[in-house]
Every structure is written in C-alpha cells, then in structure tokens.
Amino acid sequence: MKTEIKHPVPPFNEETAKLKVQMAEDAWNSKDPVKVSKAYTVNSEWRNRTQFINGRAEIVEFLTEKWNNERHYKLKKELWGFKENRMAVRFEYEFQDNDDQWYRAYGNELWEFDENGLMQKRYASINDLKIEESNRRL
C-alpha cells in the first residue's frame, strides 16, 4: 500500500502551520466530503460538538449530512498557535438552514497530525448564533 503524505508535514513552523490552516479552509469551503476526508488518517478521531466521529467513512457521512443541511456554507479559519505536530485554530462560518434561518457558528479546534501530515485527531467546540441575512460577514 502506498504511504499517504499530506504536505506540509510536522514539525510545523509559522509558515507551514498557516499554510495547513489555509488548505483546511479551502478544502472545507469546497463542500466536497471525500476531498476533505483525505486530509485525515483512515482512523482519525473527531469530537464535533457532542458527536464522536471515527475514520474517513464516518467523516464523509457526517460532512455529507452537514452540507445537505447547511446551505450557502462559508468558513474562515485562523491559526492561534502550534507546536511540533499540533495546532490550535479559531474559526467562524455562516450558513442557512433548511428553514431559511441564517447562522454564524464560532469555535475552536485542536488538531494533531501524524508524521505524514494527515490529521489524526480533531476536537471542535462550536457555538451557533442566529443572524439576519443582512448581518452576514462571510
């Protein structure tokens, strides 16, 4: 089996950490669950709000459902800190639900990468705020 590598790989410096965050933002904004899942190890562990997600198949399933219910999704990520193979990231995103209500979600993520640059752990804490469409920023 071919070894999967997702550059840049740890240990990260400021430039490569910012690049990794931008790559994640771009992938999530594509709203392509399979593309996004390839940045994670095959047995990646997630905590997303109150959900625990394990492995790429569950990631694809989760993201497919997410983007079916979160229309006009737009995400912005920002690096808060990094050390060796770990990062702390702040994010916000906006979306419209299936009842046409707009939301802005705020949160923080803790990321841990394997030696090949694939994310093996993702822990996300997220809060939603109802907004009017006229208050959108993204």
Protein backbone atom coordinates (compact mmCIF):
# COMPACT_ATOMS: atom_id res chain seq x y z
CA MET A 1 0.00 0.00 0.00
CA LYS A 2 1.25 3.46 -0.90
CA THR A 3 2.06 5.74 2.03
CA GLU A 4 -0.21 8.77 2.10
CA ILE A 5 1.51 12.11 2.65
CA LYS A 6 -0.27 15.45 3.00
CA HIS A 7 2.27 18.28 2.86
CA PRO A 8 3.29 20.23 4.78
CA VAL A 9 4.27 17.68 7.40
CA PRO A 10 5.27 18.25 11.04
CA PRO A 11 7.10 19.65 12.79
CA PHE A 12 5.43 22.88 11.72
CA ASN A 13 6.87 26.37 11.62
CA GLU A 14 4.75 29.51 11.34
CA GLU A 15 4.71 29.45 7.54
CA THR A 16 3.79 25.76 7.22
CA ALA A 17 1.21 25.96 10.03
CA LYS A 18 -0.55 28.88 8.33
CA LEU A 19 -0.43 27.01 5.03
CA LYS A 20 -2.01 23.92 6.65
CA VAL A 21 -4.83 26.07 8.07
CA GLN A 22 -5.44 27.72 4.69
CA MET A 23 -5.51 24.34 2.98
CA ALA A 24 -8.10 23.12 5.50
CA GLU A 25 -10.22 26.25 4.98
CA ASP A 26 -10.10 25.82 1.20
CA ALA A 27 -11.00 22.12 1.41
CA TRP A 28 -13.96 22.68 3.76
CA ASN A 29 -15.23 25.55 1.58
CA SER A 30 -15.25 23.15 -1.38
CA LYS A 31 -18.03 21.27 0.44
CA ASP A 32 -16.64 18.03 -1.02
CA PRO A 33 -16.76 15.43 1.80
CA VAL A 34 -14.43 12.96 0.05
CA LYS A 35 -11.82 15.65 -0.67
CA VAL A 36 -11.97 16.86 2.94
CA SER A 37 -11.70 13.33 4.33
CA LYS A 38 -8.39 12.73 2.53
CA ALA A 39 -6.66 15.21 4.85
CA TYR A 40 -7.35 12.86 7.78
CA THR A 41 -5.91 9.48 8.74
CA VAL A 42 -8.05 6.46 7.90
CA ASN A 43 -8.73 6.04 11.63
CA SER A 44 -8.95 9.75 12.53
CA GLU A 45 -10.76 10.63 15.76
CA TRP A 46 -13.09 13.62 15.92
CA ARG A 47 -15.17 15.27 18.56
CA ASN A 48 -17.51 17.70 16.84
CA ARG A 49 -19.81 19.36 19.35
CA THR A 50 -21.39 16.32 21.03
CA GLN A 51 -20.65 13.86 18.22
CA PHE A 52 -17.78 11.42 18.14
CA ILE A 53 -16.69 10.50 14.62
CA ASN A 54 -14.13 7.83 13.79
CA GLY A 55 -12.47 7.20 10.45
CA ARG A 56 -12.87 8.53 6.95
CA ALA A 57 -16.15 6.76 6.16
CA GLU A 58 -17.82 8.43 9.16
CA ILE A 59 -16.21 11.77 8.23
CA VAL A 60 -17.70 11.56 4.73
CA GLU A 61 -21.10 10.58 6.13
CA PHE A 62 -21.02 13.41 8.68
CA LEU A 63 -19.93 16.08 6.18
CA THR A 64 -22.44 14.94 3.55
CA GLU A 65 -25.28 15.37 6.05
CA LYS A 66 -23.80 18.64 7.34
CA TRP A 67 -23.67 20.28 3.93
CA ASN A 68 -27.11 18.97 2.98
CA ASN A 69 -28.46 20.89 5.99
CA GLU A 70 -26.14 23.91 5.96
CA ARG A 71 -26.76 25.74 2.69
CA HIS A 72 -24.54 28.60 1.48
CA TYR A 73 -21.82 27.41 3.87
CA LYS A 74 -18.78 29.72 4.07
CA LEU A 75 -15.90 29.19 6.51
CA LYS A 76 -12.93 31.24 7.74
CA LYS A 77 -10.13 29.70 9.86
CA GLU A 78 -7.31 31.39 11.78
CA LEU A 79 -4.21 29.85 13.33
CA TRP A 80 -3.95 30.56 17.05
CA GLY A 81 -0.90 28.51 17.89
CA PHE A 82 1.19 25.47 17.03
CA LYS A 83 3.90 23.24 18.44
CA GLU A 84 5.55 20.30 16.69
CA ASN A 85 2.57 18.29 15.31
CA ARG A 86 -0.30 20.15 17.00
CA MET A 87 -2.29 23.27 16.23
CA ALA A 88 -5.00 25.40 17.80
CA VAL A 89 -7.35 27.03 15.30
CA ARG A 90 -10.19 29.51 15.67
CA PHE A 91 -12.95 29.54 13.10
CA GLU A 92 -16.29 31.01 12.18
CA TYR A 93 -18.68 30.03 9.47
CA GLU A 94 -22.08 31.07 8.21
CA PHE A 95 -24.85 29.01 6.73
CA GLN A 96 -28.57 28.98 6.05
CA ASP A 97 -30.62 26.08 7.38
CA ASN A 98 -33.44 24.35 5.52
CA ASP A 99 -35.98 26.73 7.15
CA ASP A 100 -34.05 29.71 5.66
CA GLN A 101 -32.68 30.84 9.04
CA TRP A 102 -29.11 32.19 8.86
CA TYR A 103 -26.49 31.29 11.47
CA ARG A 104 -22.95 32.19 12.33
CA ALA A 105 -21.05 29.46 14.12
CA TYR A 106 -17.96 30.21 16.21
CA GLY A 107 -15.49 27.75 17.56
CA ASN A 108 -12.08 26.43 18.34
CA GLU A 109 -10.37 23.30 17.13
CA LEU A 110 -7.41 21.35 18.44
CA TRP A 111 -5.59 19.40 15.74
CA GLU A 112 -2.99 16.65 15.96
CA PHE A 113 -1.16 15.35 12.88
CA ASP A 114 0.74 12.16 12.18
CA GLU A 115 4.27 12.18 10.73
CA ASN A 116 2.84 12.18 7.18
CA GLY A 117 0.85 15.38 7.68
CA LEU A 118 -2.55 13.69 7.99
CA MET A 119 -4.77 14.87 10.83
CA GLN A 120 -5.27 12.07 13.33
CA LYS A 121 -7.27 13.99 15.93
CA ARG A 122 -9.71 16.90 15.63
CA TYR A 123 -11.55 18.26 18.65
CA ALA A 124 -14.04 21.03 17.85
CA SER A 125 -16.09 23.17 20.23
CA ILE A 126 -18.76 25.15 18.39
CA ASN A 127 -21.50 27.65 19.26
CA ASP A 128 -24.24 28.84 16.89
CA LEU A 129 -25.77 32.30 16.74
CA LYS A 130 -28.90 33.10 14.76
CA ILE A 131 -28.32 36.09 12.49
CA GLU A 132 -30.26 38.06 9.94
CA GLU A 133 -29.12 37.73 6.36
CA SER A 134 -28.20 41.45 6.43
CA ASN A 135 -25.70 40.70 9.25
CA ARG A 136 -23.67 38.19 7.26
CA ARG A 137 -19.92 38.85 7.17
CA LEU A 138 -18.60 35.96 5.10
